[in-house]
Amino acid sequence: MRYPRFAEGWTPDLVSPRSRLILSLPDDPELRDRHVDALCHFWHRQWSTTAYLGAHAPFMENLSMLENFWLPLAWKRSWPLKRIYVQSRPHLSLLGWSDLEFERLMLCRPGDLPPAVLGRAQLLRASISKPDWLLIDASWFERPLLPLEQALFYAHGLLGDSRWLVFGPLSSPPLLPEDLPCSRIRLATY
């Protein structure tokens, strides 16, 4: 698979910590999907750990929340299920959950939970992998599961040390909050 041209001779570790970058992608849905696939493939091959935020929490409905948290972590790191609780515990108070509430949450299926709880769970799941990079589809800012101000508060609290790459269509650049200063990077076409 060919990488987008912005990636030629470039690696994610060349970007300073806590950077916020915007990457505009082509408007054509098919071409955009190819670029997103190339970006994911590119990041998968890097040493850095990544997490992803999109408009919809990518939870599998037939699994418990615990299994949904564990699956992406076990795939790369072979974490035992118990480690989810250990890694999550320091962040629970920020999200307003007690240990008991979190344990009950982990037993639920995603379809049984309200959007605000899924939004907080999505951010927590992203944070426990301690990502170097947070890849954010611009739709997350337009349709977060939480009110945007609250989502950004949690994102900064949980993922503020990560480098952020926000990507969206070229014709309608992401509408980001004014307090989220970002630098733009260019993506050349194939």
N, C-alpha and C. Protein backbone atom coordinates (compact mmCIF):
# COMPACT_ATOMS: atom_id res chain seq x y z
N MET A 1 0.85 -1.18 0.00
CA MET A 1 0.00 0.00 0.00
C MET A 1 0.89 1.24 0.00
N ARG A 2 0.54 2.20 -0.82
CA ARG A 2 1.31 3.45 -0.86
C ARG A 2 0.82 4.39 0.23
N TYR A 3 1.75 5.08 0.85
CA TYR A 3 1.40 6.05 1.86
C TYR A 3 1.09 7.39 1.22
N PRO A 4 0.29 8.20 1.89
CA PRO A 4 0.08 9.56 1.39
C PRO A 4 1.42 10.27 1.31
N ARG A 5 1.56 11.19 0.38
CA ARG A 5 2.85 11.83 0.16
C ARG A 5 3.34 12.65 1.35
N PHE A 6 2.43 13.13 2.20
CA PHE A 6 2.92 13.89 3.35
C PHE A 6 3.79 12.99 4.22
N ALA A 7 3.61 11.68 4.10
CA ALA A 7 4.33 10.74 4.95
C ALA A 7 5.69 10.34 4.38
N GLU A 8 6.01 10.70 3.16
CA GLU A 8 7.29 10.33 2.59
C GLU A 8 8.41 11.06 3.33
N GLY A 9 9.30 10.31 3.95
CA GLY A 9 10.40 10.91 4.70
C GLY A 9 9.96 11.53 6.01
N TRP A 10 8.76 11.27 6.43
CA TRP A 10 8.20 11.87 7.64
C TRP A 10 7.79 10.75 8.57
N THR A 11 8.02 10.89 9.83
CA THR A 11 7.54 9.91 10.79
C THR A 11 6.82 10.64 11.91
N PRO A 12 5.86 10.00 12.53
CA PRO A 12 5.10 10.67 13.59
C PRO A 12 5.95 11.18 14.74
N ASP A 13 7.10 10.55 15.01
CA ASP A 13 7.92 11.00 16.13
C ASP A 13 8.67 12.30 15.85
N LEU A 14 8.64 12.80 14.62
CA LEU A 14 9.26 14.08 14.30
C LEU A 14 8.43 15.26 14.80
N VAL A 15 7.19 15.01 15.19
CA VAL A 15 6.29 16.06 15.65
C VAL A 15 6.43 16.19 17.17
N SER A 16 6.50 17.41 17.64
CA SER A 16 6.70 17.63 19.07
C SER A 16 5.49 17.16 19.88
N PRO A 17 5.73 16.75 21.12
CA PRO A 17 4.63 16.31 21.98
C PRO A 17 3.57 17.40 22.13
N ARG A 18 2.35 16.98 22.33
CA ARG A 18 1.20 17.86 22.55
C ARG A 18 0.83 18.68 21.31
N SER A 19 1.35 18.31 20.14
CA SER A 19 1.00 19.01 18.90
C SER A 19 -0.44 18.72 18.52
N ARG A 20 -1.05 19.67 17.85
CA ARG A 20 -2.40 19.52 17.32
C ARG A 20 -2.32 19.82 15.83
N LEU A 21 -2.58 18.82 15.01
CA LEU A 21 -2.46 18.96 13.56
C LEU A 21 -3.80 18.71 12.89
N ILE A 22 -4.02 19.40 11.78
CA ILE A 22 -5.21 19.18 10.97
C ILE A 22 -4.75 18.70 9.60
N LEU A 23 -5.37 17.65 9.13
CA LEU A 23 -5.06 17.10 7.81
C LEU A 23 -6.35 17.08 7.00
N SER A 24 -6.39 17.85 5.93
CA SER A 24 -7.56 17.88 5.06
C SER A 24 -7.46 16.74 4.05
N LEU A 25 -8.52 16.00 3.91
CA LEU A 25 -8.56 14.87 2.99
C LEU A 25 -9.46 15.19 1.79
N PRO A 26 -9.32 14.44 0.70
CA PRO A 26 -10.16 14.70 -0.48
C PRO A 26 -11.65 14.60 -0.16
N ASP A 27 -12.45 15.33 -0.93
CA ASP A 27 -13.90 15.31 -0.73
C ASP A 27 -14.55 14.04 -1.25
N ASP A 28 -14.02 13.48 -2.32
CA ASP A 28 -14.57 12.27 -2.91
C ASP A 28 -14.53 11.14 -1.86
N PRO A 29 -15.70 10.57 -1.52
CA PRO A 29 -15.75 9.56 -0.45
C PRO A 29 -14.83 8.36 -0.68
N GLU A 30 -14.77 7.89 -1.92
CA GLU A 30 -13.93 6.73 -2.21
C GLU A 30 -12.45 7.06 -2.03
N LEU A 31 -12.05 8.22 -2.53
CA LEU A 31 -10.66 8.65 -2.39
C LEU A 31 -10.33 8.95 -0.92
N ARG A 32 -11.29 9.56 -0.22
CA ARG A 32 -11.08 9.83 1.20
C ARG A 32 -10.87 8.54 1.97
N ASP A 33 -11.70 7.51 1.69
CA ASP A 33 -11.56 6.22 2.36
C ASP A 33 -10.19 5.61 2.09
N ARG A 34 -9.69 5.75 0.86
CA ARG A 34 -8.37 5.22 0.53
C ARG A 34 -7.29 5.94 1.34
N HIS A 35 -7.43 7.26 1.48
CA HIS A 35 -6.46 8.01 2.27
C HIS A 35 -6.53 7.62 3.75
N VAL A 36 -7.73 7.45 4.27
CA VAL A 36 -7.87 7.04 5.67
C VAL A 36 -7.26 5.66 5.87
N ASP A 37 -7.52 4.74 4.94
CA ASP A 37 -6.91 3.40 5.03
C ASP A 37 -5.39 3.49 5.01
N ALA A 38 -4.86 4.35 4.13
CA ALA A 38 -3.40 4.52 4.04
C ALA A 38 -2.85 5.11 5.34
N LEU A 39 -3.56 6.08 5.90
CA LEU A 39 -3.12 6.67 7.17
C LEU A 39 -3.10 5.63 8.28
N CYS A 40 -4.16 4.84 8.36
CA CYS A 40 -4.23 3.80 9.41
C CYS A 40 -3.11 2.78 9.21
N HIS A 41 -2.88 2.39 7.99
CA HIS A 41 -1.81 1.44 7.69
C HIS A 41 -0.46 2.05 8.06
N PHE A 42 -0.28 3.31 7.72
CA PHE A 42 0.96 4.02 8.03
C PHE A 42 1.20 4.03 9.54
N TRP A 43 0.16 4.41 10.30
CA TRP A 43 0.32 4.51 11.75
C TRP A 43 0.51 3.14 12.38
N HIS A 44 -0.12 2.15 11.82
CA HIS A 44 0.02 0.79 12.35
C HIS A 44 1.47 0.31 12.27
N ARG A 45 2.20 0.77 11.29
CA ARG A 45 3.59 0.34 11.09
C ARG A 45 4.59 1.15 11.90
N GLN A 46 4.16 2.16 12.63
CA GLN A 46 5.04 3.01 13.41
C GLN A 46 5.22 2.43 14.81
N TRP A 47 6.23 2.92 15.49
CA TRP A 47 6.48 2.49 16.86
C TRP A 47 5.44 3.09 17.81
N SER A 48 4.84 4.19 17.41
CA SER A 48 3.96 4.93 18.31
C SER A 48 2.63 4.21 18.52
N THR A 49 2.06 4.45 19.69
CA THR A 49 0.75 3.91 20.03
C THR A 49 -0.29 4.94 19.61
N THR A 50 -1.38 4.47 19.02
CA THR A 50 -2.43 5.39 18.58
C THR A 50 -3.77 5.00 19.18
N ALA A 51 -4.64 5.98 19.25
CA ALA A 51 -6.03 5.77 19.62
C ALA A 51 -6.85 6.56 18.61
N TYR A 52 -8.11 6.21 18.48
CA TYR A 52 -8.97 6.81 17.46
C TYR A 52 -10.26 7.29 18.09
N LEU A 53 -10.70 8.48 17.67
CA LEU A 53 -12.02 9.00 18.06
C LEU A 53 -12.80 9.31 16.80
N GLY A 54 -14.01 8.82 16.73
CA GLY A 54 -14.90 9.12 15.62
C GLY A 54 -16.25 9.53 16.18
N ALA A 55 -17.18 9.88 15.30
CA ALA A 55 -18.49 10.35 15.73
C ALA A 55 -19.25 9.29 16.52
N HIS A 56 -19.04 8.06 16.16
CA HIS A 56 -19.73 6.98 16.85
C HIS A 56 -18.69 6.12 17.55
N ALA A 57 -18.95 5.82 18.82
CA ALA A 57 -18.01 4.97 19.55
C ALA A 57 -18.00 3.60 18.87
N PRO A 58 -16.85 3.15 18.45
CA PRO A 58 -16.80 1.87 17.74
C PRO A 58 -16.84 0.69 18.70
N PHE A 59 -17.95 0.55 19.39
CA PHE A 59 -18.13 -0.57 20.31
C PHE A 59 -18.92 -1.67 19.61
N MET A 60 -18.53 -2.90 19.81
CA MET A 60 -19.28 -4.03 19.25
C MET A 60 -20.44 -4.35 20.17
N GLU A 61 -21.62 -4.39 19.59
CA GLU A 61 -22.84 -4.56 20.38
C GLU A 61 -22.96 -5.92 21.06
N ASN A 62 -22.34 -6.95 20.48
CA ASN A 62 -22.50 -8.30 21.04
C ASN A 62 -21.47 -8.60 22.14
N LEU A 63 -20.63 -7.64 22.47
CA LEU A 63 -19.63 -7.81 23.52
C LEU A 63 -19.94 -6.90 24.70
N SER A 64 -19.47 -7.29 25.86
CA SER A 64 -19.61 -6.41 27.03
C SER A 64 -18.66 -5.24 26.85
N MET A 65 -18.84 -4.21 27.66
CA MET A 65 -17.94 -3.05 27.60
C MET A 65 -16.52 -3.47 27.97
N LEU A 66 -16.39 -4.38 28.93
CA LEU A 66 -15.06 -4.86 29.31
C LEU A 66 -14.37 -5.50 28.10
N GLU A 67 -15.07 -6.33 27.38
CA GLU A 67 -14.49 -6.97 26.19
C GLU A 67 -14.19 -5.94 25.11
N ASN A 68 -15.05 -4.92 24.99
CA ASN A 68 -14.80 -3.84 24.03
C ASN A 68 -13.55 -3.03 24.39
N PHE A 69 -13.30 -2.85 25.67
CA PHE A 69 -12.09 -2.15 26.10
C PHE A 69 -10.86 -3.02 25.85
N TRP A 70 -11.00 -4.30 26.13
CA TRP A 70 -9.87 -5.22 26.09
C TRP A 70 -9.43 -5.57 24.67
N LEU A 71 -10.38 -5.71 23.76
CA LEU A 71 -10.07 -6.21 22.42
C LEU A 71 -8.96 -5.44 21.71
N PRO A 72 -9.02 -4.10 21.59
CA PRO A 72 -7.92 -3.41 20.90
C PRO A 72 -6.60 -3.47 21.66
N LEU A 73 -6.66 -3.59 22.98
CA LEU A 73 -5.43 -3.66 23.76
C LEU A 73 -4.80 -5.05 23.70
N ALA A 74 -5.62 -6.06 23.68
CA ALA A 74 -5.11 -7.43 23.60
C ALA A 74 -4.52 -7.72 22.24
N TRP A 75 -5.06 -7.08 21.22
CA TRP A 75 -4.60 -7.32 19.86
C TRP A 75 -3.13 -6.94 19.70
N LYS A 76 -2.72 -5.83 20.29
CA LYS A 76 -1.33 -5.40 20.14
C LYS A 76 -0.46 -5.76 21.34
N ARG A 77 -1.05 -5.87 22.51
CA ARG A 77 -0.21 -5.98 23.71
C ARG A 77 -0.49 -7.20 24.58
N SER A 78 -1.46 -7.99 24.23
CA SER A 78 -1.79 -9.20 25.01
C SER A 78 -2.08 -8.88 26.47
N TRP A 79 -2.84 -7.86 26.73
CA TRP A 79 -3.20 -7.49 28.09
C TRP A 79 -4.22 -8.47 28.66
N PRO A 80 -4.12 -8.83 29.94
CA PRO A 80 -5.19 -9.60 30.56
C PRO A 80 -6.37 -8.67 30.87
N LEU A 81 -7.56 -9.23 30.94
CA LEU A 81 -8.76 -8.42 31.21
C LEU A 81 -8.63 -7.60 32.49
N LYS A 82 -8.03 -8.18 33.51
CA LYS A 82 -7.92 -7.50 34.80
C LYS A 82 -7.16 -6.17 34.69
N ARG A 83 -6.27 -6.07 33.73
CA ARG A 83 -5.46 -4.86 33.59
C ARG A 83 -6.30 -3.65 33.17
N ILE A 84 -7.44 -3.89 32.54
CA ILE A 84 -8.35 -2.79 32.16
C ILE A 84 -8.74 -2.00 33.41
N TYR A 85 -9.08 -2.72 34.48
CA TYR A 85 -9.47 -2.05 35.72
C TYR A 85 -8.30 -1.26 36.31
N VAL A 86 -7.12 -1.85 36.30
CA VAL A 86 -5.94 -1.21 36.86
C VAL A 86 -5.61 0.08 36.09
N GLN A 87 -5.63 0.02 34.77
CA GLN A 87 -5.30 1.17 33.94
C GLN A 87 -6.38 2.25 34.00
N SER A 88 -7.62 1.87 34.21
CA SER A 88 -8.74 2.82 34.22
C SER A 88 -8.89 3.55 35.54
N ARG A 89 -8.55 2.89 36.63
CA ARG A 89 -8.81 3.43 37.97
C ARG A 89 -8.34 4.87 38.18
N PRO A 90 -7.14 5.28 37.75
CA PRO A 90 -6.72 6.67 37.99
C PRO A 90 -7.58 7.73 37.29
N HIS A 91 -8.34 7.33 36.28
CA HIS A 91 -9.12 8.29 35.49
C HIS A 91 -10.59 8.34 35.87
N LEU A 92 -11.04 7.45 36.73
CA LEU A 92 -12.47 7.36 37.02
C LEU A 92 -13.03 8.61 37.67
N SER A 93 -12.29 9.22 38.58
CA SER A 93 -12.82 10.41 39.27
C SER A 93 -13.03 11.56 38.29
N LEU A 94 -12.14 11.73 37.31
CA LEU A 94 -12.32 12.78 36.31
C LEU A 94 -13.63 12.58 35.56
N LEU A 95 -13.98 11.33 35.28
CA LEU A 95 -15.20 11.01 34.53
C LEU A 95 -16.43 10.93 35.41
N GLY A 96 -16.26 11.05 36.72
CA GLY A 96 -17.41 11.03 37.63
C GLY A 96 -17.90 9.65 37.97
N TRP A 97 -17.05 8.64 37.85
CA TRP A 97 -17.44 7.26 38.16
C TRP A 97 -16.71 6.76 39.39
N SER A 98 -17.43 6.02 40.22
CA SER A 98 -16.79 5.32 41.34
C SER A 98 -16.28 3.98 40.80
N ASP A 99 -15.49 3.29 41.62
CA ASP A 99 -15.01 1.96 41.21
C ASP A 99 -16.19 1.02 40.95
N LEU A 100 -17.19 1.07 41.84
CA LEU A 100 -18.35 0.18 41.70
C LEU A 100 -19.14 0.51 40.44
N GLU A 101 -19.35 1.80 40.17
CA GLU A 101 -20.06 2.19 38.94
C GLU A 101 -19.32 1.72 37.70
N PHE A 102 -18.00 1.84 37.73
CA PHE A 102 -17.20 1.40 36.59
C PHE A 102 -17.29 -0.11 36.41
N GLU A 103 -17.23 -0.86 37.49
CA GLU A 103 -17.35 -2.32 37.40
C GLU A 103 -18.70 -2.71 36.81
N ARG A 104 -19.76 -2.03 37.22
CA ARG A 104 -21.09 -2.32 36.65
C ARG A 104 -21.15 -1.95 35.17
N LEU A 105 -20.54 -0.81 34.83
CA LEU A 105 -20.49 -0.37 33.44
C LEU A 105 -19.81 -1.41 32.56
N MET A 106 -18.73 -2.00 33.04
CA MET A 106 -17.97 -2.96 32.26
C MET A 106 -18.76 -4.23 31.97
N LEU A 107 -19.78 -4.51 32.77
CA LEU A 107 -20.61 -5.69 32.55
C LEU A 107 -21.72 -5.46 31.53
N CYS A 108 -22.02 -4.21 31.24
CA CYS A 108 -23.10 -3.85 30.32
C CYS A 108 -22.68 -4.03 28.86
N ARG A 109 -23.68 -4.09 28.01
CA ARG A 109 -23.44 -4.06 26.57
C ARG A 109 -23.64 -2.62 26.10
N PRO A 110 -22.95 -2.20 25.05
CA PRO A 110 -23.04 -0.80 24.60
C PRO A 110 -24.45 -0.32 24.32
N GLY A 111 -25.29 -1.18 23.76
CA GLY A 111 -26.66 -0.78 23.44
C GLY A 111 -27.51 -0.45 24.65
N ASP A 112 -27.08 -0.87 25.83
CA ASP A 112 -27.82 -0.62 27.06
C ASP A 112 -27.42 0.69 27.73
N LEU A 113 -26.49 1.42 27.13
CA LEU A 113 -25.95 2.62 27.78
C LEU A 113 -26.34 3.88 27.02
N PRO A 114 -26.56 4.98 27.73
CA PRO A 114 -26.88 6.25 27.06
C PRO A 114 -25.65 6.82 26.35
N PRO A 115 -25.87 7.69 25.34
CA PRO A 115 -24.74 8.25 24.58
C PRO A 115 -23.68 8.94 25.44
N ALA A 116 -24.08 9.66 26.47
CA ALA A 116 -23.09 10.37 27.29
C ALA A 116 -22.15 9.39 27.99
N VAL A 117 -22.66 8.27 28.45
CA VAL A 117 -21.81 7.26 29.09
C VAL A 117 -20.89 6.63 28.05
N LEU A 118 -21.41 6.36 26.85
CA LEU A 118 -20.57 5.82 25.78
C LEU A 118 -19.48 6.80 25.38
N GLY A 119 -19.80 8.09 25.38
CA GLY A 119 -18.80 9.10 25.05
C GLY A 119 -17.66 9.12 26.05
N ARG A 120 -17.99 9.07 27.32
CA ARG A 120 -16.94 9.03 28.35
C ARG A 120 -16.15 7.72 28.25
N ALA A 121 -16.86 6.62 27.99
CA ALA A 121 -16.19 5.32 27.86
C ALA A 121 -15.25 5.31 26.66
N GLN A 122 -15.66 5.95 25.56
CA GLN A 122 -14.82 6.01 24.37
C GLN A 122 -13.51 6.74 24.68
N LEU A 123 -13.60 7.85 25.40
CA LEU A 123 -12.40 8.61 25.76
C LEU A 123 -11.53 7.84 26.75
N LEU A 124 -12.15 7.16 27.70
CA LEU A 124 -11.38 6.37 28.66
C LEU A 124 -10.66 5.23 27.95
N ARG A 125 -11.36 4.55 27.05
CA ARG A 125 -10.72 3.45 26.33
C ARG A 125 -9.52 3.96 25.53
N ALA A 126 -9.67 5.13 24.91
CA ALA A 126 -8.55 5.70 24.16
C ALA A 126 -7.38 6.02 25.09
N SER A 127 -7.68 6.51 26.29
CA SER A 127 -6.61 6.96 27.19
C SER A 127 -5.84 5.83 27.83
N ILE A 128 -6.48 4.69 28.10
CA ILE A 128 -5.76 3.64 28.83
C ILE A 128 -4.66 2.98 28.00
N SER A 129 -4.70 3.19 26.69
CA SER A 129 -3.60 2.67 25.87
C SER A 129 -2.41 3.62 25.91
N LYS A 130 -2.57 4.77 26.59
CA LYS A 130 -1.53 5.80 26.69
C LYS A 130 -0.97 6.12 25.30
N PRO A 131 -1.84 6.62 24.42
CA PRO A 131 -1.41 6.83 23.03
C PRO A 131 -0.43 7.98 22.86
N ASP A 132 0.51 7.78 21.96
CA ASP A 132 1.39 8.86 21.54
C ASP A 132 0.63 9.78 20.59
N TRP A 133 -0.27 9.18 19.80
CA TRP A 133 -1.05 9.90 18.81
C TRP A 133 -2.53 9.60 19.00
N LEU A 134 -3.33 10.64 18.90
CA LEU A 134 -4.78 10.50 18.91
C LEU A 134 -5.27 10.91 17.53
N LEU A 135 -5.81 9.96 16.77
CA LEU A 135 -6.36 10.25 15.45
C LEU A 135 -7.84 10.55 15.63
N ILE A 136 -8.25 11.74 15.19
CA ILE A 136 -9.63 12.19 15.42
C ILE A 136 -10.29 12.51 14.09
N ASP A 137 -11.34 11.79 13.77
CA ASP A 137 -12.14 12.13 12.60
C ASP A 137 -12.88 13.42 12.95
N ALA A 138 -12.87 14.39 12.04
CA ALA A 138 -13.48 15.70 12.32
C ALA A 138 -14.94 15.58 12.72
N SER A 139 -15.60 14.50 12.31
CA SER A 139 -17.00 14.31 12.68
C SER A 139 -17.16 14.21 14.20
N TRP A 140 -16.10 13.84 14.90
CA TRP A 140 -16.18 13.74 16.36
C TRP A 140 -16.47 15.11 16.98
N PHE A 141 -15.97 16.17 16.38
CA PHE A 141 -16.23 17.52 16.89
C PHE A 141 -17.64 17.98 16.54
N GLU A 142 -18.19 17.46 15.45
CA GLU A 142 -19.51 17.89 15.00
C GLU A 142 -20.62 17.12 15.70
N ARG A 143 -20.38 15.86 15.99
CA ARG A 143 -21.41 15.02 16.60
C ARG A 143 -20.84 14.18 17.73
N PRO A 144 -20.24 14.81 18.73
CA PRO A 144 -19.70 13.98 19.82
C PRO A 144 -20.85 13.35 20.61
N LEU A 145 -20.56 12.28 21.28
CA LEU A 145 -21.57 11.63 22.12
C LEU A 145 -21.86 12.45 23.36
N LEU A 146 -20.95 13.36 23.67
CA LEU A 146 -21.12 14.28 24.79
C LEU A 146 -21.22 15.69 24.24
N PRO A 147 -21.75 16.66 25.01
CA PRO A 147 -21.65 18.04 24.55
C PRO A 147 -20.18 18.37 24.30
N LEU A 148 -19.90 19.12 23.22
CA LEU A 148 -18.53 19.34 22.77
C LEU A 148 -17.63 19.90 23.86
N GLU A 149 -18.11 20.87 24.60
CA GLU A 149 -17.29 21.48 25.66
C GLU A 149 -16.87 20.43 26.69
N GLN A 150 -17.82 19.58 27.06
CA GLN A 150 -17.55 18.52 28.03
C GLN A 150 -16.60 17.47 27.43
N ALA A 151 -16.82 17.11 26.16
CA ALA A 151 -15.96 16.13 25.49
C ALA A 151 -14.53 16.62 25.42
N LEU A 152 -14.34 17.89 25.10
CA LEU A 152 -12.99 18.45 25.04
C LEU A 152 -12.34 18.52 26.43
N PHE A 153 -13.12 18.83 27.44
CA PHE A 153 -12.60 18.84 28.82
C PHE A 153 -12.06 17.45 29.17
N TYR A 154 -12.85 16.42 28.90
CA TYR A 154 -12.41 15.05 29.18
C TYR A 154 -11.22 14.67 28.30
N ALA A 155 -11.27 15.04 27.03
CA ALA A 155 -10.19 14.69 26.11
C ALA A 155 -8.88 15.32 26.56
N HIS A 156 -8.93 16.60 26.97
CA HIS A 156 -7.70 17.25 27.45
C HIS A 156 -7.22 16.60 28.75
N GLY A 157 -8.15 16.24 29.62
CA GLY A 157 -7.78 15.62 30.89
C GLY A 157 -7.21 14.22 30.72
N LEU A 158 -7.75 13.47 29.78
CA LEU A 158 -7.33 12.09 29.59
C LEU A 158 -6.24 11.93 28.53
N LEU A 159 -6.28 12.78 27.50
CA LEU A 159 -5.42 12.58 26.33
C LEU A 159 -4.61 13.83 25.97
N GLY A 160 -4.52 14.75 26.90
CA GLY A 160 -3.85 16.02 26.62
C GLY A 160 -2.38 15.92 26.27
N ASP A 161 -1.71 14.86 26.72
CA ASP A 161 -0.29 14.71 26.42
C ASP A 161 -0.04 14.07 25.06
N SER A 162 -1.07 13.55 24.44
CA SER A 162 -0.92 12.92 23.12
C SER A 162 -0.81 13.98 22.04
N ARG A 163 -0.21 13.60 20.93
CA ARG A 163 -0.26 14.43 19.72
C ARG A 163 -1.59 14.13 19.05
N TRP A 164 -2.26 15.16 18.57
CA TRP A 164 -3.56 14.97 17.93
C TRP A 164 -3.45 15.22 16.44
N LEU A 165 -4.05 14.34 15.65
CA LEU A 165 -4.18 14.54 14.21
C LEU A 165 -5.66 14.50 13.89
N VAL A 166 -6.21 15.66 13.54
CA VAL A 166 -7.62 15.78 13.19
C VAL A 166 -7.70 15.75 11.67
N PHE A 167 -8.52 14.87 11.13
CA PHE A 167 -8.65 14.82 9.68
C PHE A 167 -10.11 14.92 9.26
N GLY A 168 -10.31 15.59 8.12
CA GLY A 168 -11.66 15.79 7.61
C GLY A 168 -11.61 16.22 6.17
N PRO A 169 -12.78 16.41 5.54
CA PRO A 169 -12.82 16.76 4.12
C PRO A 169 -12.24 18.14 3.83
N LEU A 170 -11.63 18.27 2.67
CA LEU A 170 -10.97 19.50 2.24
C LEU A 170 -11.98 20.64 2.07
N SER A 171 -13.17 20.33 1.53
CA SER A 171 -14.16 21.38 1.25
C SER A 171 -14.77 21.99 2.51
N SER A 172 -14.84 21.21 3.56
CA SER A 172 -15.37 21.75 4.82
C SER A 172 -14.42 21.37 5.94
N PRO A 173 -13.38 22.20 6.13
CA PRO A 173 -12.40 21.91 7.18
C PRO A 173 -13.10 21.78 8.53
N PRO A 174 -12.52 20.99 9.42
CA PRO A 174 -13.15 20.80 10.72
C PRO A 174 -13.36 22.12 11.44
N LEU A 175 -14.53 22.26 12.03
CA LEU A 175 -14.81 23.44 12.84
C LEU A 175 -14.34 23.12 14.26
N LEU A 176 -13.16 23.58 14.57
CA LEU A 176 -12.58 23.28 15.86
C LEU A 176 -12.77 24.45 16.81
N PRO A 177 -12.86 24.17 18.08
CA PRO A 177 -12.99 25.26 19.05
C PRO A 177 -11.78 26.19 18.97
N GLU A 178 -12.01 27.47 19.27
CA GLU A 178 -10.94 28.47 19.18
C GLU A 178 -9.80 28.19 20.14
N ASP A 179 -10.09 27.51 21.25
CA ASP A 179 -9.03 27.24 22.22
C ASP A 179 -8.23 25.98 21.89
N LEU A 180 -8.41 25.46 20.69
CA LEU A 180 -7.66 24.29 20.25
C LEU A 180 -6.79 24.68 19.06
N PRO A 181 -5.65 25.35 19.35
CA PRO A 181 -4.80 25.80 18.25
C PRO A 181 -4.19 24.62 17.51
N CYS A 182 -4.34 24.63 16.19
CA CYS A 182 -3.87 23.52 15.36
C CYS A 182 -3.01 24.05 14.23
N SER A 183 -2.07 23.24 13.79
CA SER A 183 -1.29 23.53 12.60
C SER A 183 -1.82 22.64 11.48
N ARG A 184 -1.82 23.17 10.29
CA ARG A 184 -2.30 22.38 9.15
C ARG A 184 -1.12 21.69 8.47
N ILE A 185 -1.35 20.44 8.07
CA ILE A 185 -0.37 19.75 7.25
C ILE A 185 -1.05 19.35 5.95
N ARG A 186 -0.26 19.28 4.91
CA ARG A 186 -0.82 19.01 3.58
C ARG A 186 -0.69 17.54 3.24
N LEU A 187 -1.69 17.07 2.54
CA LEU A 187 -1.69 15.71 2.02
C LEU A 187 -1.69 15.81 0.52
N ALA A 188 -0.61 15.43 -0.11
CA ALA A 188 -0.56 15.46 -1.58
C ALA A 188 -1.35 14.27 -2.12
N THR A 189 -1.86 14.42 -3.32
CA THR A 189 -2.61 13.32 -3.92
C THR A 189 -1.64 12.26 -4.42
N TYR A 190 -2.16 11.09 -4.69
CA TYR A 190 -1.32 9.98 -5.18
C TYR A 190 -0.79 10.30 -6.54
